[in-house]
């Protein structure tokens, strides 16, 4: 899909982004501002997640920010009325947090999403709603690359609720003809990600450790494969799906389509940063229980429906990420 077509779709349109001050939401906001959209960012600054005012530097006066919680139905009713697009990124993102506090995970990732869907049904019935699901919905991987028809047997409460959220979107599409689209996202990394803890974006967490000259802990031998997608490529996937007439009611994998060994990822970080060292450790139980095995996204369907393709290879993405944080790290930790 060419840039002219994308601009025609988004220019002058009302776009709401829940979780708008996190990595995915704010990166999309920068892109949509460049396309001439009217952008509303909704975030509740819930700790310990990624909302950060630094993420919208340069576009502060070109977006609206509303501090609100998706668990508050009345707020969603007001904010999502009259929207043309709703990108739903707000969520509880920690696997271990979901196991220790499953009700919180359900409240945010299930009931919060239902508030968003209901608000759109009542106030923006024609809006396209893009839901950010997770590759963890698949559970233990039985074949690679993983296409959208792979069995879904989630291992953690987080993954169970993400799959439930996906089912809500599909149900609203079928019963109410709402324009919903679902993503199953691989492992995003890049600028604008929080680096306070390891609950989200392991690549960014390892980058912080390396930049501070600390040890990077690898569980097992590090041979497990992961699919890492750079945030700019992910953002372009969101934009392309929003603009594609073929996407209504669809489920898409999104990733780089390339598998990288976990230990190779860590070694590349150390090489680029020039600091840090790897320490191997046995798998702790709370990680071993949710380990899915090797994962590589089959992104054929997304490519065919939108013309999107990832452009940033892993080493280049790491270099771009390191450059971003060289002068900004204190604002993200």
Protein backbone atom coordinates (compact mmCIF):
# COMPACT_ATOMS: atom_id res chain seq x y z
CA UNK A 1 0.00 0.00 0.00
CA UNK A 2 1.58 3.27 -1.11
CA UNK A 3 2.00 6.38 1.02
CA UNK A 4 -0.52 8.41 -1.00
CA UNK A 5 -3.25 5.84 -0.35
CA UNK A 6 -2.45 5.71 3.35
CA UNK A 7 -2.54 9.50 3.63
CA UNK A 8 -5.93 9.59 1.94
CA UNK A 9 -7.29 7.11 4.50
CA UNK A 10 -6.06 8.87 7.64
CA UNK A 11 -5.96 12.58 6.82
CA UNK A 12 -8.51 14.47 8.89
CA UNK A 13 -9.78 11.30 10.61
CA UNK A 14 -10.38 10.98 14.35
CA UNK A 15 -8.08 8.35 15.85
CA UNK A 16 -8.10 7.27 19.50
CA UNK A 17 -5.24 5.24 20.98
CA UNK A 18 -5.66 3.56 24.37
CA UNK A 19 -2.35 3.12 26.15
CA UNK A 20 -1.35 6.07 24.01
CA UNK A 21 1.72 7.10 26.01
CA UNK A 22 3.43 3.70 25.86
CA UNK A 23 5.86 2.51 23.22
CA UNK A 24 3.34 1.24 20.67
CA UNK A 25 0.75 3.96 21.22
CA UNK A 26 3.14 6.90 21.09
CA UNK A 27 5.06 5.54 18.10
CA UNK A 28 1.78 5.20 16.23
CA UNK A 29 0.81 8.72 17.34
CA UNK A 30 3.93 10.20 15.74
CA UNK A 31 3.09 8.42 12.48
CA UNK A 32 -0.56 9.47 12.50
CA UNK A 33 0.31 13.09 13.19
CA UNK A 34 2.50 13.00 10.07
CA UNK A 35 -0.53 11.69 8.15
CA UNK A 36 -2.74 14.54 9.33
CA UNK A 37 -5.00 12.62 11.72
CA UNK A 38 -6.73 14.09 14.76
CA UNK A 39 -5.09 11.99 17.47
CA UNK A 40 -6.45 11.36 20.97
CA UNK A 41 -4.18 9.54 23.42
CA UNK A 42 -5.87 7.82 26.35
CA UNK A 43 -3.70 6.62 29.24
CA UNK A 44 -4.03 6.26 33.00
CA UNK A 45 -0.29 6.28 33.82
CA UNK A 46 -0.68 3.02 35.75
CA UNK A 47 2.55 1.79 37.35
CA UNK A 48 4.69 -0.17 36.60
CA UNK A 49 3.88 0.17 32.90
CA UNK A 50 5.18 2.33 30.09
CA UNK A 51 3.31 5.65 29.99
CA UNK A 52 5.88 8.41 29.54
CA UNK A 53 5.41 12.04 28.50
CA UNK A 54 8.85 11.88 26.88
CA UNK A 55 7.31 9.66 24.21
CA UNK A 56 5.37 12.50 22.62
CA UNK A 57 8.12 15.10 22.52
CA UNK A 58 7.81 17.00 19.28
CA UNK A 59 4.07 16.36 18.87
CA UNK A 60 2.74 17.61 22.22
CA UNK A 61 0.77 20.39 20.61
CA UNK A 62 -0.53 18.15 17.83
CA UNK A 63 -2.24 15.48 19.94
CA UNK A 64 -4.80 15.49 22.72
CA UNK A 65 -3.99 13.56 25.89
CA UNK A 66 -6.71 12.42 28.25
CA UNK A 67 -5.88 10.75 31.56
CA UNK A 68 -8.50 8.02 31.82
CA UNK A 69 -8.82 4.33 32.64
CA UNK A 70 -10.36 1.81 30.25
CA UNK A 71 -11.98 0.20 33.29
CA UNK A 72 -14.14 3.32 33.61
CA UNK A 73 -17.02 2.75 31.19
CA UNK A 74 -18.38 6.30 31.43
CA UNK A 75 -14.99 7.74 30.42
CA UNK A 76 -14.77 5.38 27.45
CA UNK A 77 -18.31 6.33 26.38
CA UNK A 78 -17.33 10.00 26.23
CA UNK A 79 -13.86 9.67 24.74
CA UNK A 80 -14.59 7.08 22.05
CA UNK A 81 -17.67 8.75 20.65
CA UNK A 82 -17.21 9.94 17.06
CA UNK A 83 -13.94 8.11 16.40
CA UNK A 84 -13.02 6.75 12.98
CA UNK A 85 -10.26 4.45 14.27
CA UNK A 86 -9.56 3.03 17.72
CA UNK A 87 -6.20 1.35 18.38
CA UNK A 88 -6.43 -0.59 21.63
CA UNK A 89 -3.02 -0.97 23.28
CA UNK A 90 -3.89 -0.40 26.97
CA UNK A 91 -3.28 -3.53 28.98
CA UNK A 92 -1.61 -5.41 31.78
CA UNK A 93 1.53 -6.79 30.10
CA UNK A 94 3.37 -8.82 32.73
CA UNK A 95 3.08 -12.63 32.63
CA UNK A 96 4.22 -13.10 36.21
CA UNK A 97 1.99 -10.24 37.39
CA UNK A 98 -0.95 -11.99 35.73
CA UNK A 99 -0.23 -15.13 37.73
CA UNK A 100 0.17 -13.34 41.06
CA UNK A 101 -2.74 -10.95 40.48
CA UNK A 102 -5.08 -12.58 37.95
CA UNK A 103 -8.03 -10.35 38.85
CA UNK A 104 -6.08 -7.22 37.92
CA UNK A 105 -5.20 -8.83 34.60
CA UNK A 106 -8.84 -9.73 33.97
CA UNK A 107 -10.09 -6.27 34.95
CA UNK A 108 -7.74 -4.53 32.52
CA UNK A 109 -7.35 -7.01 29.66
CA UNK A 110 -10.92 -8.34 29.58
CA UNK A 111 -13.36 -5.96 31.25
CA UNK A 112 -11.44 -2.90 30.06
CA UNK A 113 -11.57 -4.14 26.47
CA UNK A 114 -15.30 -4.85 26.77
CA UNK A 115 -15.78 -1.24 27.87
CA UNK A 116 -13.93 -0.08 24.77
CA UNK A 117 -15.96 -2.33 22.46
CA UNK A 118 -19.26 -1.34 24.03
CA UNK A 119 -18.38 2.35 23.88
CA UNK A 120 -17.53 2.03 20.20
CA UNK A 121 -20.67 0.05 19.48
CA UNK A 122 -22.78 2.79 21.05
CA UNK A 123 -20.85 5.89 19.99
CA UNK A 124 -18.70 4.96 16.97
CA UNK A 125 -20.35 1.96 15.31
CA UNK A 126 -18.48 2.50 12.02
CA UNK A 127 -15.02 2.79 13.61
CA UNK A 128 -12.29 0.33 12.80
CA UNK A 129 -10.99 -1.16 16.08
CA UNK A 130 -7.51 -2.68 16.08
CA UNK A 131 -6.74 -4.97 19.02
CA UNK A 132 -3.17 -5.78 20.11
CA UNK A 133 -3.05 -9.46 20.99
CA UNK A 134 0.04 -11.55 21.66
CA UNK A 135 1.98 -14.45 20.23
CA UNK A 136 1.63 -16.00 23.69
CA UNK A 137 -1.95 -16.88 22.80
CA UNK A 138 -0.55 -19.90 20.92
CA UNK A 139 1.00 -21.51 24.00
CA UNK A 140 3.53 -24.27 23.33
CA UNK A 141 4.59 -24.16 19.71
CA UNK A 142 4.21 -27.36 17.70
CA UNK A 143 5.37 -26.05 14.31
CA UNK A 144 7.35 -23.11 12.93
CA UNK A 145 6.84 -20.68 11.37
CA UNK A 146 3.55 -20.20 13.22
CA UNK A 147 0.56 -19.27 11.07
CA UNK A 148 -2.81 -18.04 12.29
CA UNK A 149 -4.28 -21.55 12.19
CA UNK A 150 -1.84 -22.89 14.80
CA UNK A 151 -3.68 -24.20 17.91
CA UNK A 152 -4.16 -21.69 20.72
CA UNK A 153 -3.45 -23.21 24.15
CA UNK A 154 -2.24 -20.27 26.28
CA UNK A 155 -0.06 -21.05 29.29
CA UNK A 156 -0.39 -17.95 31.48
CA UNK A 157 -3.34 -15.92 32.76
CA UNK A 158 -2.06 -13.02 30.65
CA UNK A 159 -2.17 -15.13 27.49
CA UNK A 160 -5.59 -16.57 28.39
CA UNK A 161 -7.03 -13.10 28.76
CA UNK A 162 -5.41 -11.90 25.54
CA UNK A 163 -7.08 -14.78 23.74
CA UNK A 164 -10.36 -13.90 25.44
CA UNK A 165 -9.95 -10.31 24.23
CA UNK A 166 -9.44 -11.57 20.70
CA UNK A 167 -12.63 -13.63 20.99
CA UNK A 168 -14.54 -10.56 22.20
CA UNK A 169 -13.45 -8.67 19.09
CA UNK A 170 -14.46 -11.51 16.81
CA UNK A 171 -17.82 -11.82 18.57
CA UNK A 172 -18.59 -8.11 18.21
CA UNK A 173 -17.68 -8.37 14.54
CA UNK A 174 -20.01 -11.32 13.97
CA UNK A 175 -22.96 -10.19 16.08
CA UNK A 176 -22.90 -6.45 15.51
CA UNK A 177 -20.94 -6.22 12.24
CA UNK A 178 -18.36 -4.05 13.97
CA UNK A 179 -15.11 -3.47 12.12
CA UNK A 180 -12.61 -5.25 14.35
CA UNK A 181 -9.09 -6.42 13.50
CA UNK A 182 -6.85 -8.57 15.70
CA UNK A 183 -3.05 -8.71 15.88
CA UNK A 184 -0.98 -11.46 17.45
CA UNK A 185 2.26 -9.59 18.05
CA UNK A 186 5.68 -11.24 18.36
CA UNK A 187 8.37 -9.53 20.49
CA UNK A 188 8.47 -5.75 19.96
CA UNK A 189 11.49 -3.63 20.84
CA UNK A 190 12.89 -0.21 20.10
CA UNK A 191 12.64 3.46 21.11
CA UNK A 192 9.99 4.68 23.58
CA UNK A 193 9.79 1.43 25.54
CA UNK A 194 9.94 1.56 29.33
CA UNK A 195 13.17 0.12 30.73
CA UNK A 196 12.23 0.02 34.43
CA UNK A 197 11.82 -3.75 34.65
CA UNK A 198 11.83 -6.97 32.64
CA UNK A 199 8.06 -7.49 32.44
CA UNK A 200 7.88 -6.06 28.92
CA UNK A 201 10.36 -6.03 26.00
CA UNK A 202 13.28 -8.19 27.08
CA UNK A 203 15.45 -6.65 24.37
CA UNK A 204 15.04 -3.20 25.89
CA UNK A 205 15.68 -4.56 29.40
CA UNK A 206 18.90 -6.21 28.25
CA UNK A 207 19.93 -2.97 26.53
CA UNK A 208 19.56 -1.12 29.82
CA UNK A 209 21.64 -3.72 31.66
CA UNK A 210 24.38 -3.53 29.03
CA UNK A 211 24.37 0.27 29.00
CA UNK A 212 24.81 0.20 32.79
CA UNK A 213 27.59 -2.41 32.54
CA UNK A 214 25.60 -5.05 34.40
CA UNK A 215 25.22 -8.80 33.91
CA UNK A 216 22.65 -10.14 31.45
CA UNK A 217 21.06 -13.35 32.77
CA UNK A 218 20.20 -16.04 30.22
CA UNK A 219 18.04 -18.96 31.33
CA UNK A 220 19.15 -22.35 30.02
CA UNK A 221 21.52 -22.39 27.07
CA UNK A 222 19.82 -19.50 25.27
CA UNK A 223 19.16 -21.54 22.14
CA UNK A 224 15.43 -20.75 22.06
CA UNK A 225 14.37 -18.82 18.95
CA UNK A 226 12.40 -15.58 19.16
CA UNK A 227 10.93 -13.26 16.54
CA UNK A 228 11.84 -9.64 17.31
CA UNK A 229 10.03 -6.83 15.49
CA UNK A 230 11.31 -3.25 15.51
CA UNK A 231 8.74 -0.70 16.62
CA UNK A 232 8.75 1.26 13.34
CA UNK A 233 7.89 -1.89 11.39
CA UNK A 234 5.16 -2.70 13.87
CA UNK A 235 3.78 0.82 13.58
CA UNK A 236 3.63 0.51 9.80
CA UNK A 237 1.74 -2.77 10.18
CA UNK A 238 -0.86 -1.04 12.35
CA UNK A 239 -1.23 1.76 9.84
CA UNK A 240 -1.48 -0.64 6.88
CA UNK A 241 -4.14 -2.80 8.52
CA UNK A 242 -6.16 0.25 9.48
CA UNK A 243 -6.17 1.33 5.85
CA UNK A 244 -6.80 -2.05 4.22
CA UNK A 245 -10.36 -2.87 3.11
CA UNK A 246 -9.52 -6.58 3.40
CA UNK A 247 -8.76 -6.44 7.13
CA UNK A 248 -12.25 -6.27 8.64
CA UNK A 249 -12.79 -9.20 10.99
CA UNK A 250 -9.32 -10.62 10.34
CA UNK A 251 -6.62 -12.04 12.62
CA UNK A 252 -2.99 -11.33 11.72
CA UNK A 253 0.37 -12.47 13.01
CA UNK A 254 2.88 -9.64 13.01
CA UNK A 255 6.60 -10.07 13.50
CA UNK A 256 9.80 -9.96 11.49
CA UNK A 257 9.33 -13.50 10.19
CA UNK A 258 12.92 -14.23 11.27
CA UNK A 259 14.04 -16.35 14.22
CA UNK A 260 16.94 -15.17 16.39
CA UNK A 261 18.49 -17.25 19.16
CA UNK A 262 18.04 -15.66 22.55
CA UNK A 263 21.75 -15.81 23.32
CA UNK A 264 22.58 -14.28 19.93
CA UNK A 265 20.24 -11.41 20.73
CA UNK A 266 22.08 -10.80 24.00
CA UNK A 267 25.51 -11.07 22.36
CA UNK A 268 24.55 -8.54 19.70
CA UNK A 269 23.44 -6.12 22.40
CA UNK A 270 26.77 -6.46 24.22
CA UNK A 271 28.65 -6.00 20.94
CA UNK A 272 26.76 -2.83 19.96
CA UNK A 273 26.75 -1.28 23.43
CA UNK A 274 30.34 -2.33 24.20
CA UNK A 275 29.53 -3.23 27.81
CA UNK A 276 27.88 -5.96 29.87
CA UNK A 277 28.40 -9.70 30.06
CA UNK A 278 26.23 -12.83 29.87
CA UNK A 279 25.58 -15.06 32.89
CA UNK A 280 23.72 -18.35 32.34
CA UNK A 281 21.25 -19.60 34.95
CA UNK A 282 18.77 -22.48 35.29
CA UNK A 283 15.16 -21.78 34.30
CA UNK A 284 13.16 -20.52 37.30
CA UNK A 285 9.77 -22.19 37.75
CA UNK A 286 7.73 -19.05 37.06
CA UNK A 287 9.43 -18.74 33.64
CA UNK A 288 9.67 -22.42 32.79
CA UNK A 289 5.92 -22.82 33.23
CA UNK A 290 5.14 -20.25 30.52
CA UNK A 291 8.01 -21.03 28.12
CA UNK A 292 6.47 -21.69 24.70
CA UNK A 293 9.52 -23.02 22.86
CA UNK A 294 10.86 -21.62 19.62
CA UNK A 295 8.66 -19.02 17.92
CA UNK A 296 8.81 -17.50 14.42
CA UNK A 297 5.85 -15.61 12.97
CA UNK A 298 4.37 -16.60 9.63
CA UNK A 299 3.46 -13.14 8.31
CA UNK A 300 2.26 -14.26 4.88
CA UNK A 301 -1.38 -13.31 5.44
CA UNK A 302 -0.55 -9.79 6.63
CA UNK A 303 1.71 -9.23 3.62
CA UNK A 304 -0.91 -10.49 1.17
CA UNK A 305 -3.75 -8.42 2.62
CA UNK A 306 -1.90 -5.11 3.02
CA UNK A 307 1.35 -5.14 1.07
CA UNK A 308 3.20 -4.46 4.33
CA UNK A 309 6.62 -6.00 4.86
CA UNK A 310 9.18 -5.50 7.66
CA UNK A 311 12.18 -3.40 6.67
CA UNK A 312 14.43 -3.15 9.75
CA UNK A 313 16.63 -6.17 10.43
CA UNK A 314 17.52 -6.95 14.02
CA UNK A 315 21.06 -5.56 14.14
CA UNK A 316 19.98 -2.29 12.54
CA UNK A 317 17.05 -2.04 14.94
CA UNK A 318 19.35 -2.54 17.91
CA UNK A 319 21.67 0.19 16.68
CA UNK A 320 18.76 2.61 16.27
CA UNK A 321 17.49 1.74 19.73
CA UNK A 322 20.87 2.27 21.39
CA UNK A 323 21.23 5.65 19.67
CA UNK A 324 17.81 6.68 20.98
CA UNK A 325 18.62 5.86 24.59
CA UNK A 326 22.17 7.21 24.70
CA UNK A 327 20.89 10.60 25.84
CA UNK A 328 17.44 9.55 27.08
CA UNK A 329 18.01 6.52 29.34
CA UNK A 330 17.36 8.38 32.63
CA UNK A 331 13.85 9.23 31.45
CA UNK A 332 12.95 5.56 30.94
CA UNK A 333 14.25 3.88 34.07
